[in-house]
Amino acid sequence: MRVVLEIAGWLLLLQGAGGVINTLFGWWSWAHDLLLVNRLSFLSGYEVFASIVLGVLGAALLAATSAAKKREA
């Protein structure tokens, strides 16, 4: 279970960082369709905020998995 949470955390963190960079700077125009915030039509106009939320959720999942690792050791 811990591995699944860690992978999900990294994916969310990557999606959040990629979404912020793509929305603010437009550097990754080739990755526009790969980002979750660009796929969801109801987030139109709120891509930056949704990307920040995804990044924070990813960081929280990674922190939770590292705390679980320390607790087990």
C-alpha atoms as a PDB file:
ATOM      1  CA  MET A   1       0.000   0.000   0.000  1.00  0.00           C
ATOM      2  CA  ARG A   2       2.873   2.331   0.842  1.00  0.00           C
ATOM      3  CA  VAL A   3       4.355   1.915  -2.637  1.00  0.00           C
ATOM      4  CA  VAL A   4       1.050   2.816  -4.284  1.00  0.00           C
ATOM      5  CA  LEU A   5       0.765   5.959  -2.150  1.00  0.00           C
ATOM      6  CA  GLU A   6       4.338   6.927  -2.968  1.00  0.00           C
ATOM      7  CA  ILE A   7       3.791   6.503  -6.711  1.00  0.00           C
ATOM      8  CA  ALA A   8       0.529   8.467  -6.511  1.00  0.00           C
ATOM      9  CA  GLY A   9       2.308  11.203  -4.559  1.00  0.00           C
ATOM     10  CA  TRP A  10       5.048  11.543  -7.158  1.00  0.00           C
ATOM     11  CA  LEU A  11       2.514  11.569  -9.996  1.00  0.00           C
ATOM     12  CA  LEU A  12       0.421  14.255  -8.331  1.00  0.00           C
ATOM     13  CA  LEU A  13       3.510  16.320  -7.570  1.00  0.00           C
ATOM     14  CA  LEU A  14       4.673  16.012 -11.174  1.00  0.00           C
ATOM     15  CA  GLN A  15       1.226  16.917 -12.512  1.00  0.00           C
ATOM     16  CA  GLY A  16       1.063  19.930 -10.211  1.00  0.00           C
ATOM     17  CA  ALA A  17       4.518  21.248 -11.081  1.00  0.00           C
ATOM     18  CA  GLY A  18       4.022  20.569 -14.782  1.00  0.00           C
ATOM     19  CA  GLY A  19       0.645  22.274 -14.770  1.00  0.00           C
ATOM     20  CA  VAL A  20       1.969  25.392 -13.061  1.00  0.00           C
ATOM     21  CA  ILE A  21       4.970  25.645 -15.390  1.00  0.00           C
ATOM     22  CA  ASN A  22       2.904  25.005 -18.513  1.00  0.00           C
ATOM     23  CA  THR A  23       0.139  27.428 -17.545  1.00  0.00           C
ATOM     24  CA  LEU A  24       2.381  30.275 -16.424  1.00  0.00           C
ATOM     25  CA  PHE A  25       5.192  29.997 -18.957  1.00  0.00           C
ATOM     26  CA  GLY A  26       3.864  27.796 -21.758  1.00  0.00           C
ATOM     27  CA  TRP A  27       7.186  25.979 -22.097  1.00  0.00           C
ATOM     28  CA  TRP A  28       5.690  22.524 -22.469  1.00  0.00           C
ATOM     29  CA  SER A  29       3.194  23.020 -25.262  1.00  0.00           C
ATOM     30  CA  TRP A  30       3.845  19.422 -26.367  1.00  0.00           C
ATOM     31  CA  ALA A  31       2.683  18.166 -22.960  1.00  0.00           C
ATOM     32  CA  HIS A  32      -0.596  20.105 -22.923  1.00  0.00           C
ATOM     33  CA  ASP A  33      -2.729  16.973 -23.343  1.00  0.00           C
ATOM     34  CA  LEU A  34      -0.716  14.984 -20.800  1.00  0.00           C
ATOM     35  CA  LEU A  35      -1.604  17.271 -17.909  1.00  0.00           C
ATOM     36  CA  LEU A  36      -4.701  16.430 -15.870  1.00  0.00           C
ATOM     37  CA  VAL A  37      -5.787  20.044 -15.364  1.00  0.00           C
ATOM     38  CA  ASN A  38      -6.000  20.579 -19.122  1.00  0.00           C
ATOM     39  CA  ARG A  39      -8.136  17.458 -19.593  1.00  0.00           C
ATOM     40  CA  LEU A  40     -10.883  18.496 -17.185  1.00  0.00           C
ATOM     41  CA  SER A  41     -13.110  21.074 -18.843  1.00  0.00           C
ATOM     42  CA  PHE A  42     -14.635  22.401 -15.616  1.00  0.00           C
ATOM     43  CA  LEU A  43     -11.171  23.635 -14.542  1.00  0.00           C
ATOM     44  CA  SER A  44     -10.931  25.984 -17.513  1.00  0.00           C
ATOM     45  CA  GLY A  45      -9.534  29.267 -16.256  1.00  0.00           C
ATOM     46  CA  TYR A  46      -8.412  27.761 -12.946  1.00  0.00           C
ATOM     47  CA  GLU A  47      -5.519  25.635 -14.188  1.00  0.00           C
ATOM     48  CA  VAL A  48      -2.892  27.318 -12.003  1.00  0.00           C
ATOM     49  CA  PHE A  49      -4.904  26.915  -8.816  1.00  0.00           C
ATOM     50  CA  ALA A  50      -5.801  23.309  -9.596  1.00  0.00           C
ATOM     51  CA  SER A  51      -2.150  22.547 -10.340  1.00  0.00           C
ATOM     52  CA  ILE A  52      -1.096  24.045  -7.024  1.00  0.00           C
ATOM     53  CA  VAL A  53      -3.676  21.896  -5.231  1.00  0.00           C
ATOM     54  CA  LEU A  54      -2.407  18.780  -7.044  1.00  0.00           C
ATOM     55  CA  GLY A  55       1.163  19.606  -6.079  1.00  0.00           C
ATOM     56  CA  VAL A  56       0.233  20.130  -2.430  1.00  0.00           C
ATOM     57  CA  LEU A  57      -1.704  16.841  -2.370  1.00  0.00           C
ATOM     58  CA  GLY A  58       1.287  15.066  -3.885  1.00  0.00           C
ATOM     59  CA  ALA A  59       3.629  16.551  -1.284  1.00  0.00           C
ATOM     60  CA  ALA A  60       1.211  15.528   1.484  1.00  0.00           C
ATOM     61  CA  LEU A  61       1.097  11.948   0.203  1.00  0.00           C
ATOM     62  CA  LEU A  62       4.880  11.796   0.038  1.00  0.00           C
ATOM     63  CA  ALA A  63       5.131  13.166   3.579  1.00  0.00           C
ATOM     64  CA  ALA A  64       2.628  10.586   4.789  1.00  0.00           C
ATOM     65  CA  THR A  65       4.540   7.720   3.199  1.00  0.00           C
ATOM     66  CA  SER A  66       7.837   8.906   4.658  1.00  0.00           C
ATOM     67  CA  ALA A  67       6.213   9.189   8.101  1.00  0.00           C
ATOM     68  CA  ALA A  68       4.858   5.646   7.722  1.00  0.00           C
ATOM     69  CA  LYS A  69       8.334   4.402   6.806  1.00  0.00           C
ATOM     70  CA  LYS A  70       9.835   6.043   9.908  1.00  0.00           C
ATOM     71  CA  ARG A  71       7.068   4.645  12.106  1.00  0.00           C
ATOM     72  CA  GLU A  72       7.703   1.092  10.902  1.00  0.00           C
ATOM     73  CA  ALA A  73      11.456   1.305  11.411  1.00  0.00           C
END
